[in-house]
């Protein structure tokens, strides 16, 4: 899947809002496209000053030296019903893993900005977690996933994260395509939406995410009970008010930090994280915890993900959180450091 650069001009209505988007064609004309979020991945528009850049999902149908023929995804068309457009080659880029997670959520009928059912979001995450990604460090512990929970910003939260250690010069890309050129920033369509608009979380105050902080990283999980082993050889899950050990430094296959001079020289892999954080009202005594990072190879992850899901039902409070009605959610993607 690819993205073509366009411009969001205006939006109207409540979620799912109707968004007006302009797409520049290679002959100089401008197509006017109307679509609804989340199909247009427009979650970051709500608190932005328009017009702003917006990437549209597309497939590449044909290309020449200077232009690309693209077909928009999810049935999106312009005002005349067209879904195929010829654009300048520089306007098209590869989908990054955060956008892939976004697309998979939508395919599962889950709005990343307004998750209403945790189980549906989890099923989308399991599909995303099993997808192959180019540019990942071939050493062990370079592609892992984790479930985290706790209270942040006055609300209970549950987070699904996939972390990637990338050795290429750019962002990771999916499906065997070439790596995305490194811009130093998340891709233009990286989600930075507000949580559930301006709707407060009942009994918890305004739901806000500490978007400036990356998801906790660690090789050792925080546990909930020290006498019960976790599946797949992980350490026991435990409750703790302390965050999981943070691994912002690049790590080797053995889990040890890479020497600072190697990192400074650019020889160490760069960590990227795609995270879906879901927030809930209530659960005022929810402790902080996580399942620990699981680095099972992507081709054999189905059983590991099923075992991870089974641990949820083994813990009554976490299970109650899983089946509760969410109040807000946000999907983020970017460097872990």
Protein backbone atom coordinates (compact mmCIF):
# COMPACT_ATOMS: atom_id res chain seq x y z
CA UNK A 1 0.00 0.00 0.00
CA UNK A 2 1.17 3.54 -0.83
CA UNK A 3 0.21 7.09 0.06
CA UNK A 4 -0.26 10.05 -2.29
CA UNK A 5 0.20 13.57 -0.99
CA UNK A 6 -2.92 15.74 -0.93
CA UNK A 7 -4.23 18.73 1.04
CA UNK A 8 -7.11 18.78 3.51
CA UNK A 9 -9.06 21.97 2.87
CA UNK A 10 -12.05 21.76 5.19
CA UNK A 11 -14.18 19.41 7.24
CA UNK A 12 -17.71 19.54 8.51
CA UNK A 13 -20.00 17.63 10.84
CA UNK A 14 -19.33 15.44 13.84
CA UNK A 15 -17.35 12.25 13.78
CA UNK A 16 -17.20 10.68 11.32
CA UNK A 17 -16.73 14.11 9.77
CA UNK A 18 -16.90 14.82 6.04
CA UNK A 19 -13.49 16.01 4.84
CA UNK A 20 -12.76 17.99 1.66
CA UNK A 21 -9.39 17.08 0.15
CA UNK A 22 -7.63 18.47 -2.95
CA UNK A 23 -5.32 16.22 -4.96
CA UNK A 24 -2.95 17.77 -7.52
CA UNK A 25 -2.70 15.82 -10.78
CA UNK A 26 0.33 15.76 -13.06
CA UNK A 27 -1.42 17.85 -15.75
CA UNK A 28 -1.92 20.73 -13.34
CA UNK A 29 -5.59 20.09 -12.53
CA UNK A 30 -6.82 19.60 -8.99
CA UNK A 31 -9.24 16.85 -8.06
CA UNK A 32 -11.72 17.57 -5.27
CA UNK A 33 -12.33 14.57 -3.02
CA UNK A 34 -14.93 14.24 -0.28
CA UNK A 35 -14.60 11.43 2.22
CA UNK A 36 -15.32 10.58 5.81
CA UNK A 37 -12.90 9.85 8.60
CA UNK A 38 -11.49 7.41 9.52
CA UNK A 39 -11.27 6.23 5.89
CA UNK A 40 -9.21 9.34 5.09
CA UNK A 41 -7.01 8.89 8.19
CA UNK A 42 -8.02 12.38 9.18
CA UNK A 43 -7.82 12.01 12.95
CA UNK A 44 -5.14 14.69 13.30
CA UNK A 45 -7.33 17.36 11.62
CA UNK A 46 -9.57 18.11 14.55
CA UNK A 47 -7.19 20.48 16.33
CA UNK A 48 -5.18 21.62 13.30
CA UNK A 49 -5.37 24.84 11.34
CA UNK A 50 -6.48 24.07 7.79
CA UNK A 51 -5.35 23.64 5.09
CA UNK A 52 -2.78 20.98 6.00
CA UNK A 53 -1.08 18.09 4.15
CA UNK A 54 -2.95 14.79 4.20
CA UNK A 55 -1.86 11.45 2.75
CA UNK A 56 -4.44 9.34 0.90
CA UNK A 57 -4.08 5.56 0.76
CA UNK A 58 -3.63 4.27 -2.75
CA UNK A 59 -2.34 1.46 -4.95
CA UNK A 60 0.12 2.08 -7.76
CA UNK A 61 -1.44 1.03 -11.07
CA UNK A 62 1.25 2.23 -13.47
CA UNK A 63 4.29 4.50 -13.56
CA UNK A 64 6.72 6.13 -15.94
CA UNK A 65 9.86 8.20 -15.42
CA UNK A 66 8.01 11.22 -14.03
CA UNK A 67 4.46 10.27 -13.08
CA UNK A 68 2.53 7.55 -11.25
CA UNK A 69 -1.02 6.34 -11.87
CA UNK A 70 -2.66 5.69 -8.49
CA UNK A 71 -5.98 4.24 -7.44
CA UNK A 72 -7.36 5.51 -4.13
CA UNK A 73 -8.20 2.96 -1.45
CA UNK A 74 -11.38 2.24 0.53
CA UNK A 75 -13.65 3.32 -2.33
CA UNK A 76 -12.67 6.99 -2.10
CA UNK A 77 -13.49 9.00 -5.25
CA UNK A 78 -13.52 12.60 -6.45
CA UNK A 79 -16.69 14.60 -7.12
CA UNK A 80 -17.08 12.97 -10.56
CA UNK A 81 -16.70 9.42 -9.27
CA UNK A 82 -13.08 8.86 -10.36
CA UNK A 83 -10.80 6.80 -8.14
CA UNK A 84 -7.73 6.75 -10.44
CA UNK A 85 -5.40 9.74 -10.89
CA UNK A 86 -2.04 10.40 -12.53
CA UNK A 87 0.23 12.38 -10.21
CA UNK A 88 3.86 13.44 -10.05
CA UNK A 89 6.14 10.61 -8.94
CA UNK A 90 7.40 12.63 -5.98
CA UNK A 91 3.88 12.78 -4.53
CA UNK A 92 3.77 9.02 -3.85
CA UNK A 93 5.48 7.24 -0.97
CA UNK A 94 5.36 3.88 0.75
CA UNK A 95 3.12 3.11 3.69
CA UNK A 96 4.96 3.01 7.03
CA UNK A 97 4.13 0.50 9.79
CA UNK A 98 2.02 2.98 11.78
CA UNK A 99 -0.10 3.60 8.72
CA UNK A 100 -0.32 -0.14 8.10
CA UNK A 101 -1.67 -0.60 11.63
CA UNK A 102 -4.14 2.24 10.97
CA UNK A 103 -5.31 0.54 7.74
CA UNK A 104 -5.68 -2.86 9.40
CA UNK A 105 -7.74 -1.33 12.23
CA UNK A 106 -10.09 0.23 9.69
CA UNK A 107 -10.35 -3.08 7.85
CA UNK A 108 -11.51 -4.54 11.17
CA UNK A 109 -14.09 -1.73 11.46
CA UNK A 110 -12.18 -0.10 14.29
CA UNK A 111 -11.73 3.69 14.32
CA UNK A 112 -8.21 4.26 15.71
CA UNK A 113 -9.35 7.59 17.19
CA UNK A 114 -12.48 6.18 18.80
CA UNK A 115 -12.04 2.50 19.71
CA UNK A 116 -15.32 1.10 21.03
CA UNK A 117 -14.35 -2.57 21.47
CA UNK A 118 -10.98 -3.72 22.79
CA UNK A 119 -11.27 -7.26 21.42
CA UNK A 120 -11.74 -5.98 17.87
CA UNK A 121 -8.73 -3.70 18.27
CA UNK A 122 -6.70 -6.63 19.60
CA UNK A 123 -7.58 -8.80 16.60
CA UNK A 124 -6.34 -6.01 14.32
CA UNK A 125 -3.16 -5.74 16.38
CA UNK A 126 -2.50 -9.48 16.06
CA UNK A 127 -2.71 -9.17 12.27
CA UNK A 128 -0.38 -6.17 12.32
CA UNK A 129 2.08 -7.88 14.69
CA UNK A 130 2.45 -10.85 12.32
CA UNK A 131 3.23 -8.76 9.22
CA UNK A 132 6.77 -8.86 7.82
CA UNK A 133 8.61 -5.51 7.78
CA UNK A 134 11.69 -4.61 5.77
CA UNK A 135 14.79 -3.08 7.32
CA UNK A 136 14.52 -4.83 10.70
CA UNK A 137 17.79 -5.76 12.41
CA UNK A 138 18.41 -9.47 11.65
CA UNK A 139 19.63 -10.06 15.20
CA UNK A 140 17.33 -11.31 17.92
CA UNK A 141 15.08 -9.00 19.94
CA UNK A 142 14.67 -6.57 17.04
CA UNK A 143 10.91 -6.94 16.53
CA UNK A 144 8.75 -7.33 19.61
CA UNK A 145 5.28 -6.68 20.98
CA UNK A 146 3.82 -5.97 24.39
CA UNK A 147 0.59 -5.15 26.25
CA UNK A 148 0.84 -2.41 28.88
CA UNK A 149 -1.70 -1.05 31.35
CA UNK A 150 -1.95 1.47 34.17
CA UNK A 151 -3.24 4.96 34.93
CA UNK A 152 -1.91 7.99 33.06
CA UNK A 153 -3.22 11.54 33.04
CA UNK A 154 -6.06 10.66 35.40
CA UNK A 155 -7.44 7.78 33.31
CA UNK A 156 -6.96 4.03 33.07
CA UNK A 157 -5.22 2.91 29.91
CA UNK A 158 -4.43 -0.22 27.92
CA UNK A 159 -1.76 -0.08 25.21
CA UNK A 160 -0.76 -2.46 22.40
CA UNK A 161 2.75 -1.75 21.08
CA UNK A 162 4.99 -3.20 18.39
CA UNK A 163 8.63 -2.13 18.52
CA UNK A 164 11.10 -2.43 15.63
CA UNK A 165 14.88 -2.05 15.60
CA UNK A 166 15.70 -0.68 12.15
CA UNK A 167 19.15 -0.83 10.60
CA UNK A 168 18.30 0.84 7.27
CA UNK A 169 18.74 4.57 6.63
CA UNK A 170 15.02 5.27 6.66
CA UNK A 171 11.76 4.26 8.26
CA UNK A 172 10.73 0.61 8.01
CA UNK A 173 8.46 -0.37 5.14
CA UNK A 174 6.07 -3.26 4.62
CA UNK A 175 5.55 -6.09 2.16
CA UNK A 176 9.04 -6.28 0.73
CA UNK A 177 9.10 -2.72 -0.64
CA UNK A 178 12.06 -0.41 -0.47
CA UNK A 179 12.60 1.50 2.78
CA UNK A 180 10.95 4.89 3.04
CA UNK A 181 13.44 7.76 2.67
CA UNK A 182 14.48 9.07 6.05
CA UNK A 183 13.00 12.48 6.77
CA UNK A 184 13.98 12.57 10.43
CA UNK A 185 10.29 12.89 11.30
CA UNK A 186 7.30 10.55 11.31
CA UNK A 187 5.58 10.33 7.93
CA UNK A 188 3.22 13.22 7.10
CA UNK A 189 0.19 11.09 7.81
CA UNK A 190 1.47 9.86 11.16
CA UNK A 191 -1.42 10.02 13.62
CA UNK A 192 -1.32 12.73 16.24
CA UNK A 193 -5.06 13.03 16.93
CA UNK A 194 -6.69 14.38 20.05
CA UNK A 195 -8.51 11.85 22.17
CA UNK A 196 -12.20 11.55 21.36
CA UNK A 197 -12.48 15.22 20.47
CA UNK A 198 -13.23 17.36 23.50
CA UNK A 199 -15.19 14.67 25.27
CA UNK A 200 -14.03 14.24 28.89
CA UNK A 201 -13.58 10.85 30.48
CA UNK A 202 -16.25 10.37 33.17
CA UNK A 203 -14.87 10.40 36.72
CA UNK A 204 -11.35 10.90 35.41
CA UNK A 205 -11.11 14.41 34.08
CA UNK A 206 -10.09 15.32 30.56
CA UNK A 207 -8.45 12.41 28.73
CA UNK A 208 -5.02 13.43 27.58
CA UNK A 209 -2.13 11.30 26.40
CA UNK A 210 1.45 11.99 27.27
CA UNK A 211 2.34 11.94 23.59
CA UNK A 212 5.79 13.31 24.32
CA UNK A 213 6.76 10.10 26.05
CA UNK A 214 7.44 6.89 24.10
CA UNK A 215 5.89 3.65 25.22
CA UNK A 216 7.91 2.06 28.01
CA UNK A 217 10.54 -0.35 26.80
CA UNK A 218 12.28 -3.08 28.64
CA UNK A 219 13.56 -6.58 28.33
CA UNK A 220 12.17 -7.49 31.75
CA UNK A 221 8.43 -7.22 32.34
CA UNK A 222 6.74 -5.68 35.33
CA UNK A 223 4.83 -8.45 37.01
CA UNK A 224 1.61 -8.87 38.84
CA UNK A 225 2.39 -11.93 40.89
CA UNK A 226 5.83 -13.30 41.41
CA UNK A 227 4.72 -16.91 41.88
CA UNK A 228 3.05 -17.46 38.51
CA UNK A 229 5.12 -17.97 35.37
CA UNK A 230 4.04 -16.20 32.22
CA UNK A 231 3.59 -18.07 28.95
CA UNK A 232 6.35 -18.51 26.36
CA UNK A 233 9.13 -18.27 28.90
CA UNK A 234 8.42 -14.70 29.91
CA UNK A 235 9.05 -13.61 33.46
CA UNK A 236 6.00 -13.50 35.78
CA UNK A 237 3.66 -10.58 35.31
CA UNK A 238 3.62 -8.32 38.34
CA UNK A 239 1.93 -5.23 39.65
CA UNK A 240 4.12 -2.28 40.31
CA UNK A 241 3.88 1.46 40.39
CA UNK A 242 7.23 1.63 38.61
CA UNK A 243 7.43 1.71 34.83
CA UNK A 244 9.08 -1.12 32.93
CA UNK A 245 12.84 -0.70 32.50
CA UNK A 246 13.25 1.78 29.69
CA UNK A 247 15.46 0.91 26.75
CA UNK A 248 15.85 4.09 24.80
CA UNK A 249 19.42 3.08 24.04
CA UNK A 250 19.89 0.74 21.08
CA UNK A 251 20.30 -2.84 22.28
CA UNK A 252 22.18 -5.86 21.10
CA UNK A 253 20.68 -9.30 20.53
CA UNK A 254 21.59 -10.15 24.10
CA UNK A 255 19.70 -7.18 25.48
CA UNK A 256 22.77 -5.18 26.51
CA UNK A 257 23.00 -1.49 25.58
CA UNK A 258 25.19 -0.70 22.59
CA UNK A 259 28.24 1.35 23.44
CA UNK A 260 27.65 5.09 23.14
CA UNK A 261 30.38 5.52 20.52
CA UNK A 262 28.70 2.95 18.27
CA UNK A 263 25.33 4.65 18.60
CA UNK A 264 26.91 8.02 17.89
CA UNK A 265 28.56 6.59 14.80
CA UNK A 266 25.19 5.51 13.43
CA UNK A 267 26.01 1.80 13.53
CA UNK A 268 23.28 0.86 16.00
CA UNK A 269 19.69 0.13 15.00
CA UNK A 270 17.06 2.78 15.59
CA UNK A 271 13.97 1.87 17.60
CA UNK A 272 10.50 2.66 16.21
CA UNK A 273 7.19 2.02 17.97
CA UNK A 274 3.60 1.77 16.75
CA UNK A 275 1.21 1.98 19.70
CA UNK A 276 -2.55 2.00 20.16
CA UNK A 277 -3.46 3.45 23.54
CA UNK A 278 -7.04 2.98 24.73
CA UNK A 279 -8.40 4.91 27.73
CA UNK A 280 -11.23 4.11 30.11
CA UNK A 281 -13.25 5.85 32.83
CA UNK A 282 -13.03 4.48 36.35
CA UNK A 283 -10.57 1.73 37.39
CA UNK A 284 -9.05 4.06 39.98
CA UNK A 285 -6.99 1.30 41.62
CA UNK A 286 -5.57 -0.15 38.40
CA UNK A 287 -1.85 -0.84 38.95
CA UNK A 288 0.80 -0.30 36.32
CA UNK A 289 2.02 -3.44 34.58
CA UNK A 290 2.87 -5.13 31.32
CA UNK A 291 3.29 -8.57 29.83
CA UNK A 292 6.95 -8.13 28.97
CA UNK A 293 8.34 -7.89 25.46
CA UNK A 294 7.81 -10.96 23.30
CA UNK A 295 10.28 -11.37 20.41
CA UNK A 296 8.86 -14.53 18.83
CA UNK A 297 9.66 -14.46 15.08
CA UNK A 298 6.86 -13.02 12.95
CA UNK A 299 6.24 -16.26 11.07
CA UNK A 300 5.47 -18.16 14.27
CA UNK A 301 3.69 -15.52 16.34
CA UNK A 302 0.14 -16.82 16.25
CA UNK A 303 0.58 -19.06 19.31
CA UNK A 304 2.55 -16.40 21.20
CA UNK A 305 -0.17 -13.82 20.61
CA UNK A 306 -2.87 -16.29 21.70
CA UNK A 307 -0.92 -17.01 24.88
CA UNK A 308 -0.55 -13.29 25.54
CA UNK A 309 -4.29 -12.84 25.16
CA UNK A 310 -4.89 -15.74 27.58
CA UNK A 311 -2.90 -13.96 30.29
CA UNK A 312 -5.48 -11.17 30.28
CA UNK A 313 -8.28 -13.45 31.47
CA UNK A 314 -6.03 -14.80 34.22
CA UNK A 315 -6.06 -11.41 35.94
CA UNK A 316 -9.57 -10.28 37.00
CA UNK A 317 -8.96 -6.52 37.05
CA UNK A 318 -7.19 -6.54 33.70
CA UNK A 319 -9.93 -8.72 32.24
CA UNK A 320 -12.56 -6.25 33.46
CA UNK A 321 -10.63 -3.43 31.79
CA UNK A 322 -10.46 -5.42 28.54
CA UNK A 323 -14.25 -5.80 28.38
CA UNK A 324 -15.06 -2.26 29.54
CA UNK A 325 -16.34 0.47 27.23
CA UNK A 326 -13.43 2.72 26.18
CA UNK A 327 -13.67 6.50 26.49
CA UNK A 328 -10.90 7.51 24.06
CA UNK A 329 -8.01 6.16 22.01
CA UNK A 330 -5.02 7.21 19.96
CA UNK A 331 -2.67 5.54 17.50
CA UNK A 332 0.91 6.85 17.42
CA UNK A 333 4.00 5.94 15.45
CA UNK A 334 7.52 7.29 15.67
CA UNK A 335 11.03 6.80 17.02
CA UNK A 336 11.18 5.32 20.51
CA UNK A 337 13.86 7.83 21.41
